[in-house]
Protein backbone atom coordinates (compact mmCIF):
# COMPACT_ATOMS: atom_id res chain seq x y z
CA MET A 1 20.95 -20.58 0.59
CA THR A 2 19.87 -17.04 1.73
CA THR A 3 23.39 -15.67 0.73
CA SER A 4 23.21 -17.65 -2.89
CA ASP A 5 19.67 -16.23 -3.36
CA THR A 6 20.77 -12.68 -2.39
CA GLU A 7 23.83 -13.00 -4.72
CA ALA A 8 21.88 -14.04 -7.65
CA ALA A 9 19.16 -11.60 -7.17
CA GLY A 10 21.85 -8.71 -7.08
CA ALA A 11 23.73 -9.97 -9.97
CA GLY A 12 20.76 -10.73 -12.05
CA GLY A 13 17.99 -8.44 -10.62
CA HIS A 14 19.58 -5.54 -11.43
CA GLY A 15 19.97 -6.29 -15.29
CA GLY A 16 16.67 -5.61 -17.10
CA HIS A 17 14.28 -6.78 -14.71
CA GLU A 18 11.84 -4.53 -12.37
CA GLY A 19 13.76 -4.21 -9.16
CA HIS A 20 10.73 -1.86 -7.63
CA GLU A 21 12.89 -0.36 -4.62
CA GLY A 22 16.32 -2.24 -5.57
CA HIS A 23 15.58 -5.21 -3.24
CA THR A 24 12.95 -7.47 -3.07
CA LEU A 25 11.58 -10.43 -1.00
CA THR A 26 10.53 -13.66 -1.23
CA ILE A 27 7.23 -15.08 0.12
CA ASP A 28 9.21 -17.10 2.93
CA GLU A 29 11.26 -13.53 3.45
CA LEU A 30 7.83 -11.68 3.48
CA ALA A 31 6.02 -13.93 5.78
CA ALA A 32 8.91 -13.63 8.01
CA ARG A 33 9.52 -9.55 8.29
CA ALA A 34 5.30 -9.19 8.35
CA GLY A 35 5.17 -12.01 11.18
CA VAL A 36 2.83 -14.03 9.40
CA THR A 37 2.93 -17.21 7.80
CA VAL A 38 3.61 -18.03 3.79
CA ARG A 39 0.25 -19.80 4.16
CA THR A 40 -1.40 -16.30 5.03
CA VAL A 41 0.41 -14.78 2.29
CA ARG A 42 -0.79 -17.00 -0.61
CA PHE A 43 -4.37 -17.07 1.14
CA TYR A 44 -4.52 -12.85 1.14
CA GLY A 45 -3.01 -13.05 -2.51
CA THR A 46 -6.04 -15.63 -3.54
CA LYS A 47 -8.65 -13.27 -1.86
CA GLY A 48 -7.18 -10.20 -3.63
CA LEU A 49 -5.81 -8.68 -0.13
CA LEU A 50 -2.32 -8.64 -1.46
CA PRO A 51 -0.96 -7.34 -4.85
CA PRO A 52 0.31 -10.28 -6.74
CA PRO A 53 4.27 -10.41 -6.58
CA VAL A 54 6.44 -9.76 -9.47
CA ILE A 55 7.66 -12.83 -11.19
CA GLY A 56 11.54 -12.98 -11.15
CA PRO A 57 13.98 -15.41 -12.78
CA ARG A 58 13.15 -18.86 -12.27
CA ARG A 59 9.68 -18.41 -11.88
CA VAL A 60 10.16 -16.88 -8.32
CA GLY A 61 7.55 -14.25 -6.93
CA ARG A 62 8.98 -10.90 -5.54
CA TYR A 63 7.77 -9.12 -2.69
CA GLY A 64 8.54 -5.59 -1.91
CA GLY A 65 7.80 -2.69 0.56
CA GLU A 66 4.01 -2.41 -0.79
CA HIS A 67 3.68 -5.94 0.22
CA LEU A 68 4.97 -5.43 3.30
CA ALA A 69 2.72 -2.08 4.02
CA ARG A 70 -0.27 -3.72 2.55
CA LEU A 71 0.12 -6.65 5.11
CA ALA A 72 0.45 -4.20 8.00
CA LEU A 73 -2.75 -2.85 7.07
CA ILE A 74 -4.62 -5.64 6.99
CA GLU A 75 -3.06 -6.95 10.19
CA GLU A 76 -3.97 -3.18 12.07
CA LEU A 77 -7.60 -3.20 10.21
CA GLN A 78 -8.14 -6.61 11.91
CA HIS A 79 -7.14 -5.53 15.14
CA GLN A 80 -9.75 -2.78 14.88
CA GLY A 81 -12.31 -5.43 14.67
CA MET A 82 -13.09 -5.34 10.74
CA THR A 83 -13.44 -8.75 9.16
CA LEU A 84 -11.61 -10.07 6.04
CA ALA A 85 -14.63 -9.28 3.86
CA ALA A 86 -14.79 -5.83 5.59
CA ILE A 87 -10.81 -5.34 4.38
CA GLU A 88 -11.63 -6.44 1.26
CA ARG A 89 -14.42 -4.39 0.47
CA TYR A 90 -12.46 -1.36 2.10
CA LEU A 91 -9.26 -1.89 -0.25
CA GLU A 92 -11.70 -2.22 -3.01
CA LEU A 93 -13.13 1.29 -2.36
CA ALA A 94 -9.56 2.60 -1.75
CA ALA A 95 -8.34 1.18 -5.17
CA VAL A 96 -11.60 2.77 -7.03
CA ARG A 97 -11.20 6.32 -4.90
CA SER A 98 -7.45 6.61 -6.17
CA GLU A 99 -7.65 5.72 -9.52
CA ARG A 100 -10.54 8.10 -10.52
CA PRO A 101 -10.23 11.95 -10.55
CA ARG A 102 -12.42 13.48 -7.78
CA PRO A 103 -14.69 15.53 -9.78
CA GLY A 104 -15.05 18.96 -8.17
CA ALA A 105 -12.41 18.42 -5.40
CA ALA A 106 -9.87 20.09 -7.06
CA PRO A 107 -11.23 23.64 -7.25
CA ARG A 108 -12.42 23.47 -3.51
CA GLY A 109 -8.62 23.06 -2.30
CA GLY A 110 -8.94 19.15 -2.27
CA GLY A 111 -9.18 18.96 1.36
CA LEU A 112 -6.09 21.06 2.01
CA LEU A 113 -6.46 24.01 4.32
CA GLY A 114 -4.48 27.03 2.82
CA ALA A 115 -3.75 25.03 -0.38
CA GLY A 116 -5.06 26.19 -3.66
CA ASP A 117 -6.73 29.68 -3.58
CA GLY A 118 -4.88 31.79 -1.26
CA GLY A 119 -7.42 34.57 0.14
CA THR A 120 -10.44 32.66 -0.90
CA GLY A 121 -10.66 29.51 0.79
CA GLY A 122 -8.82 30.34 3.71
CA PRO A 123 -11.23 31.72 6.30
CA ARG A 124 -14.08 29.46 5.19
CA GLY A 125 -11.55 26.39 5.65
CA ALA A 126 -10.23 27.97 9.09
CA GLY A 127 -13.89 28.76 10.42
CA PRO A 128 -14.91 25.49 11.31
CA ALA A 129 -11.96 24.66 13.50
CA GLY A 130 -11.41 28.61 14.92
CA GLY A 131 -15.46 29.07 15.48
CA PRO A 132 -15.73 26.73 18.63
CA SER A 133 -12.38 28.31 20.08
CA ARG A 134 -13.37 31.62 20.06
């Protein structure tokens, strides 16, 4: 089953279909790699915690590295004591923050020390880190 599915995906998947990273996973393969059940993957999908799969030929959902990373993040946040409701809010906030530009963040260096203004932002950015050690 796996060999024929892989061959079919290899033959048809590279044509004009969206092959995000060159290889995709079925829901069974994703669940096995992430160490969760298929039921958990589907549940996270219905809660909006996991992005929807790309629907490929024969209406089979295909998952990729983004999905694996998200499952790992959810697992880690749960181990840190967060509830699924809190994780859902966290992921919503992260999505909103990544979609809209941060007003005023770029002129101040965007949080990167030494980036941007050269000499103008360097001493101010380095002050708090260097201050207590002196």
